[in-house]
């Protein structure tokens, strides 16, 4: 499993009175290389937050009850990472089955590749020297800067070069080379909100 891929994942674990199990889950995740762990205490009356912190997790508190609310709190002030919100009640021992994490990462990569191969994610028009990418990249472009910032390749601002560098990992070699040389105009596609219903 590629350790650099694991570095890009932030595991968010909402907890409510999970003192007896949270440490084992944190250690299980750490044993396979998942170190960005954010535990969101959702009103525990036990020592869930304290033992999670001692085990190496970042701990946040969400006083309003509910799994969704706790996940939402965990998504606030996100570092440069892919969030993975898990239910403690169904978490497997990842150190005993790291294949689950590997499969999950492969599925994420596959979905990114499919989306970028569609006209909704990326359009390259060499005849017009134009590259168009989803507006999502414009809205959340800073999320790629920490890991993908690059000078001397691609085009546009630091944010745009970072985005294009990320995208170049999911296209064929010819498109990657074209994106890297940077001799094109970059545009953003109008977002198709109907995609959210698919």
C-alpha atoms as a PDB file:
ATOM      1  CA  UNK A   1       0.000   0.000   0.000  1.00  0.00           C
ATOM      2  CA  UNK A   2       1.332   3.437  -0.918  1.00  0.00           C
ATOM      3  CA  UNK A   3       2.136   5.315   2.318  1.00  0.00           C
ATOM      4  CA  UNK A   4       1.791   8.706   0.619  1.00  0.00           C
ATOM      5  CA  UNK A   5      -1.831   7.867  -0.202  1.00  0.00           C
ATOM      6  CA  UNK A   6      -2.501   7.136   3.469  1.00  0.00           C
ATOM      7  CA  UNK A   7      -0.985  10.510   4.400  1.00  0.00           C
ATOM      8  CA  UNK A   8      -3.792  12.184   2.475  1.00  0.00           C
ATOM      9  CA  UNK A   9      -6.575  10.625   4.586  1.00  0.00           C
ATOM     10  CA  UNK A  10      -8.117  12.195   7.686  1.00  0.00           C
ATOM     11  CA  UNK A  11     -10.149   9.613   9.596  1.00  0.00           C
ATOM     12  CA  UNK A  12     -13.057  11.235  11.448  1.00  0.00           C
ATOM     13  CA  UNK A  13     -14.575   9.127  14.224  1.00  0.00           C
ATOM     14  CA  UNK A  14     -17.672  10.421  16.048  1.00  0.00           C
ATOM     15  CA  UNK A  15     -17.876   8.885  19.530  1.00  0.00           C
ATOM     16  CA  UNK A  16     -20.444   8.678  22.300  1.00  0.00           C
ATOM     17  CA  UNK A  17     -19.328   6.804  25.415  1.00  0.00           C
ATOM     18  CA  UNK A  18     -16.733   4.681  23.596  1.00  0.00           C
ATOM     19  CA  UNK A  19     -13.968   4.713  26.207  1.00  0.00           C
ATOM     20  CA  UNK A  20     -13.719   0.914  26.143  1.00  0.00           C
ATOM     21  CA  UNK A  21     -13.109   0.617  22.382  1.00  0.00           C
ATOM     22  CA  UNK A  22     -11.757   3.871  20.951  1.00  0.00           C
ATOM     23  CA  UNK A  23      -8.095   3.253  21.811  1.00  0.00           C
ATOM     24  CA  UNK A  24      -8.105  -0.132  20.069  1.00  0.00           C
ATOM     25  CA  UNK A  25      -9.610   1.434  16.941  1.00  0.00           C
ATOM     26  CA  UNK A  26      -7.085   4.300  16.928  1.00  0.00           C
ATOM     27  CA  UNK A  27      -4.171   1.893  17.364  1.00  0.00           C
ATOM     28  CA  UNK A  28      -5.576  -0.337  14.630  1.00  0.00           C
ATOM     29  CA  UNK A  29      -5.688   2.598  12.200  1.00  0.00           C
ATOM     30  CA  UNK A  30      -2.213   3.779  13.193  1.00  0.00           C
ATOM     31  CA  UNK A  31      -0.778   0.296  12.693  1.00  0.00           C
ATOM     32  CA  UNK A  32      -1.531   0.475   8.969  1.00  0.00           C
ATOM     33  CA  UNK A  33      -0.265   4.034   8.521  1.00  0.00           C
ATOM     34  CA  UNK A  34      -3.359   6.157   9.135  1.00  0.00           C
ATOM     35  CA  UNK A  35      -2.120   8.816  11.554  1.00  0.00           C
ATOM     36  CA  UNK A  36      -4.455  11.729  10.847  1.00  0.00           C
ATOM     37  CA  UNK A  37      -7.257  10.724  13.196  1.00  0.00           C
ATOM     38  CA  UNK A  38      -9.862  13.186  14.445  1.00  0.00           C
ATOM     39  CA  UNK A  39     -12.215  11.966  17.166  1.00  0.00           C
ATOM     40  CA  UNK A  40     -15.388  14.018  17.639  1.00  0.00           C
ATOM     41  CA  UNK A  41     -16.852  13.558  21.108  1.00  0.00           C
ATOM     42  CA  UNK A  42     -20.618  13.872  20.790  1.00  0.00           C
ATOM     43  CA  UNK A  43     -21.491  14.302  24.459  1.00  0.00           C
ATOM     44  CA  UNK A  44     -19.807  11.322  26.102  1.00  0.00           C
ATOM     45  CA  UNK A  45     -20.215  10.916  29.851  1.00  0.00           C
ATOM     46  CA  UNK A  46     -17.151   8.682  30.074  1.00  0.00           C
ATOM     47  CA  UNK A  47     -13.484   9.382  29.293  1.00  0.00           C
ATOM     48  CA  UNK A  48     -13.739   8.784  25.520  1.00  0.00           C
ATOM     49  CA  UNK A  49     -12.169  12.139  24.632  1.00  0.00           C
ATOM     50  CA  UNK A  50      -9.305  11.838  27.126  1.00  0.00           C
ATOM     51  CA  UNK A  51      -8.278   8.307  26.133  1.00  0.00           C
ATOM     52  CA  UNK A  52      -8.573   9.148  22.419  1.00  0.00           C
ATOM     53  CA  UNK A  53      -6.292  12.149  22.897  1.00  0.00           C
ATOM     54  CA  UNK A  54      -3.797  10.082  24.874  1.00  0.00           C
ATOM     55  CA  UNK A  55      -3.816   7.496  22.049  1.00  0.00           C
ATOM     56  CA  UNK A  56      -2.731  10.188  19.580  1.00  0.00           C
ATOM     57  CA  UNK A  57      -5.982  11.416  18.059  1.00  0.00           C
ATOM     58  CA  UNK A  58      -6.984  15.021  17.658  1.00  0.00           C
ATOM     59  CA  UNK A  59     -10.153  15.533  19.715  1.00  0.00           C
ATOM     60  CA  UNK A  60     -13.016  17.903  18.924  1.00  0.00           C
ATOM     61  CA  UNK A  61     -16.325  18.289  20.751  1.00  0.00           C
ATOM     62  CA  UNK A  62     -19.819  18.544  19.259  1.00  0.00           C
ATOM     63  CA  UNK A  63     -22.515  19.173  21.881  1.00  0.00           C
ATOM     64  CA  UNK A  64     -25.487  18.772  19.518  1.00  0.00           C
ATOM     65  CA  UNK A  65     -26.346  15.044  19.368  1.00  0.00           C
ATOM     66  CA  UNK A  66     -26.225  13.036  16.161  1.00  0.00           C
ATOM     67  CA  UNK A  67     -23.778  11.152  13.971  1.00  0.00           C
ATOM     68  CA  UNK A  68     -24.237  13.551  11.052  1.00  0.00           C
ATOM     69  CA  UNK A  69     -23.687  16.565  13.267  1.00  0.00           C
ATOM     70  CA  UNK A  70     -20.509  15.007  14.697  1.00  0.00           C
ATOM     71  CA  UNK A  71     -19.215  14.214  11.190  1.00  0.00           C
ATOM     72  CA  UNK A  72     -19.958  17.784  10.133  1.00  0.00           C
ATOM     73  CA  UNK A  73     -17.966  19.088  13.120  1.00  0.00           C
ATOM     74  CA  UNK A  74     -15.104  16.796  12.127  1.00  0.00           C
ATOM     75  CA  UNK A  75     -15.073  18.314   8.645  1.00  0.00           C
ATOM     76  CA  UNK A  76     -14.531  21.836   9.977  1.00  0.00           C
ATOM     77  CA  UNK A  77     -11.033  23.340   9.664  1.00  0.00           C
ATOM     78  CA  UNK A  78      -9.935  20.445   7.485  1.00  0.00           C
ATOM     79  CA  UNK A  79      -6.235  20.001   6.848  1.00  0.00           C
ATOM     80  CA  UNK A  80      -5.148  19.138   3.318  1.00  0.00           C
ATOM     81  CA  UNK A  81      -6.645  15.648   3.434  1.00  0.00           C
ATOM     82  CA  UNK A  82      -9.410  13.386   2.199  1.00  0.00           C
ATOM     83  CA  UNK A  83     -12.019  12.977   4.953  1.00  0.00           C
ATOM     84  CA  UNK A  84     -13.173   9.492   5.907  1.00  0.00           C
ATOM     85  CA  UNK A  85     -15.980   9.584   8.460  1.00  0.00           C
ATOM     86  CA  UNK A  86     -16.465   6.160  10.062  1.00  0.00           C
ATOM     87  CA  UNK A  87     -18.981   4.685  12.488  1.00  0.00           C
ATOM     88  CA  UNK A  88     -17.238   3.202  15.470  1.00  0.00           C
ATOM     89  CA  UNK A  89     -19.955   0.569  15.789  1.00  0.00           C
ATOM     90  CA  UNK A  90     -19.033  -0.910  12.404  1.00  0.00           C
ATOM     91  CA  UNK A  91     -15.291  -0.240  12.297  1.00  0.00           C
ATOM     92  CA  UNK A  92     -13.286  -3.363  11.549  1.00  0.00           C
ATOM     93  CA  UNK A  93      -9.849  -4.061  12.947  1.00  0.00           C
ATOM     94  CA  UNK A  94      -7.954  -2.426  10.089  1.00  0.00           C
ATOM     95  CA  UNK A  95      -4.652  -3.860  11.255  1.00  0.00           C
ATOM     96  CA  UNK A  96      -6.187  -7.313  10.723  1.00  0.00           C
ATOM     97  CA  UNK A  97      -7.627  -6.373   7.334  1.00  0.00           C
ATOM     98  CA  UNK A  98      -5.671  -3.505   5.711  1.00  0.00           C
ATOM     99  CA  UNK A  99      -7.070  -4.688   2.393  1.00  0.00           C
ATOM    100  CA  UNK A 100     -10.251  -2.732   3.237  1.00  0.00           C
ATOM    101  CA  UNK A 101      -8.301   0.535   3.276  1.00  0.00           C
ATOM    102  CA  UNK A 102      -6.426  -0.415   0.097  1.00  0.00           C
ATOM    103  CA  UNK A 103      -9.725  -1.162  -1.655  1.00  0.00           C
ATOM    104  CA  UNK A 104     -11.204   2.114  -0.442  1.00  0.00           C
ATOM    105  CA  UNK A 105      -8.234   4.116  -1.780  1.00  0.00           C
ATOM    106  CA  UNK A 106      -8.396   2.280  -5.113  1.00  0.00           C
ATOM    107  CA  UNK A 107     -12.123   3.047  -5.365  1.00  0.00           C
ATOM    108  CA  UNK A 108     -11.463   6.740  -4.709  1.00  0.00           C
ATOM    109  CA  UNK A 109      -8.779   6.798  -7.411  1.00  0.00           C
ATOM    110  CA  UNK A 110     -11.092   4.994  -9.823  1.00  0.00           C
ATOM    111  CA  UNK A 111     -13.923   7.480  -9.234  1.00  0.00           C
ATOM    112  CA  UNK A 112     -11.599  10.467  -9.730  1.00  0.00           C
ATOM    113  CA  UNK A 113     -10.292   8.933 -12.962  1.00  0.00           C
ATOM    114  CA  UNK A 114     -13.849   8.299 -14.246  1.00  0.00           C
ATOM    115  CA  UNK A 115     -15.006  11.789 -13.353  1.00  0.00           C
ATOM    116  CA  UNK A 116     -12.019  13.439 -15.036  1.00  0.00           C
ATOM    117  CA  UNK A 117     -12.561  11.345 -18.150  1.00  0.00           C
ATOM    118  CA  UNK A 118     -16.095  12.755 -18.408  1.00  0.00           C
ATOM    119  CA  UNK A 119     -16.881  16.136 -19.921  1.00  0.00           C
ATOM    120  CA  UNK A 120     -18.042  17.295 -16.469  1.00  0.00           C
ATOM    121  CA  UNK A 121     -14.573  17.000 -14.932  1.00  0.00           C
ATOM    122  CA  UNK A 122     -12.019  17.841 -17.624  1.00  0.00           C
ATOM    123  CA  UNK A 123     -12.008  18.952 -21.253  1.00  0.00           C
ATOM    124  CA  UNK A 124      -8.823  19.311 -23.292  1.00  0.00           C
ATOM    125  CA  UNK A 125      -9.069  21.040 -26.678  1.00  0.00           C
ATOM    126  CA  UNK A 126      -5.633  21.069 -28.301  1.00  0.00           C
ATOM    127  CA  UNK A 127      -6.907  22.786 -31.463  1.00  0.00           C
ATOM    128  CA  UNK A 128      -7.998  25.811 -29.399  1.00  0.00           C
ATOM    129  CA  UNK A 129      -5.158  25.468 -26.841  1.00  0.00           C
ATOM    130  CA  UNK A 130      -7.745  25.361 -24.090  1.00  0.00           C
ATOM    131  CA  UNK A 131      -8.194  23.234 -20.976  1.00  0.00           C
ATOM    132  CA  UNK A 132     -11.441  23.408 -19.009  1.00  0.00           C
ATOM    133  CA  UNK A 133     -11.876  21.896 -15.561  1.00  0.00           C
ATOM    134  CA  UNK A 134     -14.817  21.596 -13.189  1.00  0.00           C
ATOM    135  CA  UNK A 135     -15.724  24.655 -11.132  1.00  0.00           C
ATOM    136  CA  UNK A 136     -15.323  22.439  -8.069  1.00  0.00           C
ATOM    137  CA  UNK A 137     -11.577  22.847  -8.530  1.00  0.00           C
ATOM    138  CA  UNK A 138     -11.974  26.625  -8.452  1.00  0.00           C
ATOM    139  CA  UNK A 139     -14.132  26.519  -5.324  1.00  0.00           C
ATOM    140  CA  UNK A 140     -11.837  24.178  -3.387  1.00  0.00           C
ATOM    141  CA  UNK A 141      -8.529  24.718  -5.188  1.00  0.00           C
ATOM    142  CA  UNK A 142      -6.578  25.610  -2.064  1.00  0.00           C
ATOM    143  CA  UNK A 143      -7.119  22.016  -0.873  1.00  0.00           C
ATOM    144  CA  UNK A 144      -4.544  20.813  -3.417  1.00  0.00           C
ATOM    145  CA  UNK A 145      -1.850  23.413  -2.776  1.00  0.00           C
ATOM    146  CA  UNK A 146      -0.070  21.813   0.183  1.00  0.00           C
ATOM    147  CA  UNK A 147       0.588  18.538  -1.606  1.00  0.00           C
ATOM    148  CA  UNK A 148       0.602  19.466  -5.303  1.00  0.00           C
ATOM    149  CA  UNK A 149       2.092  22.989  -5.545  1.00  0.00           C
ATOM    150  CA  UNK A 150       4.678  23.144  -8.319  1.00  0.00           C
ATOM    151  CA  UNK A 151       6.705  25.747 -10.209  1.00  0.00           C
ATOM    152  CA  UNK A 152       7.842  25.650 -13.824  1.00  0.00           C
ATOM    153  CA  UNK A 153       5.098  23.390 -15.139  1.00  0.00           C
ATOM    154  CA  UNK A 154       1.403  23.762 -15.952  1.00  0.00           C
ATOM    155  CA  UNK A 155      -0.226  27.204 -16.221  1.00  0.00           C
ATOM    156  CA  UNK A 156      -1.983  29.770 -14.065  1.00  0.00           C
ATOM    157  CA  UNK A 157      -1.748  30.726 -10.419  1.00  0.00           C
ATOM    158  CA  UNK A 158      -0.194  28.591  -7.680  1.00  0.00           C
ATOM    159  CA  UNK A 159      -3.667  27.213  -6.934  1.00  0.00           C
ATOM    160  CA  UNK A 160      -4.330  26.382 -10.592  1.00  0.00           C
ATOM    161  CA  UNK A 161      -0.929  24.751 -11.121  1.00  0.00           C
ATOM    162  CA  UNK A 162      -1.543  22.644  -8.004  1.00  0.00           C
ATOM    163  CA  UNK A 163      -4.923  21.520  -9.341  1.00  0.00           C
ATOM    164  CA  UNK A 164      -3.500  20.698 -12.770  1.00  0.00           C
ATOM    165  CA  UNK A 165      -0.647  18.779 -11.151  1.00  0.00           C
ATOM    166  CA  UNK A 166      -3.207  16.711  -9.213  1.00  0.00           C
ATOM    167  CA  UNK A 167      -5.286  16.121 -12.357  1.00  0.00           C
ATOM    168  CA  UNK A 168      -2.213  15.029 -14.320  1.00  0.00           C
ATOM    169  CA  UNK A 169      -2.001  11.903 -12.147  1.00  0.00           C
ATOM    170  CA  UNK A 170      -5.348  10.704 -13.523  1.00  0.00           C
ATOM    171  CA  UNK A 171      -4.983  11.221 -17.270  1.00  0.00           C
ATOM    172  CA  UNK A 172      -3.188   9.344 -20.047  1.00  0.00           C
ATOM    173  CA  UNK A 173       0.519  10.099 -20.716  1.00  0.00           C
ATOM    174  CA  UNK A 174      -0.199  12.336 -23.727  1.00  0.00           C
ATOM    175  CA  UNK A 175      -2.659  14.494 -21.774  1.00  0.00           C
ATOM    176  CA  UNK A 176      -0.275  14.600 -18.808  1.00  0.00           C
ATOM    177  CA  UNK A 177       2.518  15.900 -21.047  1.00  0.00           C
ATOM    178  CA  UNK A 178       0.177  18.486 -22.591  1.00  0.00           C
ATOM    179  CA  UNK A 179      -0.959  19.708 -19.171  1.00  0.00           C
ATOM    180  CA  UNK A 180       2.621  19.907 -17.873  1.00  0.00           C
ATOM    181  CA  UNK A 181       3.904  22.061 -20.760  1.00  0.00           C
ATOM    182  CA  UNK A 182       1.392  24.774 -19.809  1.00  0.00           C
ATOM    183  CA  UNK A 183       0.877  26.386 -23.236  1.00  0.00           C
ATOM    184  CA  UNK A 184      -2.925  26.676 -23.058  1.00  0.00           C
ATOM    185  CA  UNK A 185      -5.674  28.797 -21.579  1.00  0.00           C
ATOM    186  CA  UNK A 186      -7.376  27.437 -18.459  1.00  0.00           C
ATOM    187  CA  UNK A 187     -11.139  27.818 -18.031  1.00  0.00           C
ATOM    188  CA  UNK A 188     -13.692  26.504 -15.557  1.00  0.00           C
ATOM    189  CA  UNK A 189     -16.738  24.508 -16.587  1.00  0.00           C
ATOM    190  CA  UNK A 190     -20.180  25.436 -15.319  1.00  0.00           C
ATOM    191  CA  UNK A 191     -21.105  22.940 -12.636  1.00  0.00           C
ATOM    192  CA  UNK A 192     -24.003  20.631 -13.478  1.00  0.00           C
ATOM    193  CA  UNK A 193     -25.948  20.481 -10.203  1.00  0.00           C
ATOM    194  CA  UNK A 194     -27.998  17.533 -11.468  1.00  0.00           C
ATOM    195  CA  UNK A 195     -24.867  15.394 -10.930  1.00  0.00           C
ATOM    196  CA  UNK A 196     -25.571  15.580  -7.195  1.00  0.00           C
ATOM    197  CA  UNK A 197     -28.676  13.437  -7.715  1.00  0.00           C
ATOM    198  CA  UNK A 198     -26.791  10.599  -9.421  1.00  0.00           C
END
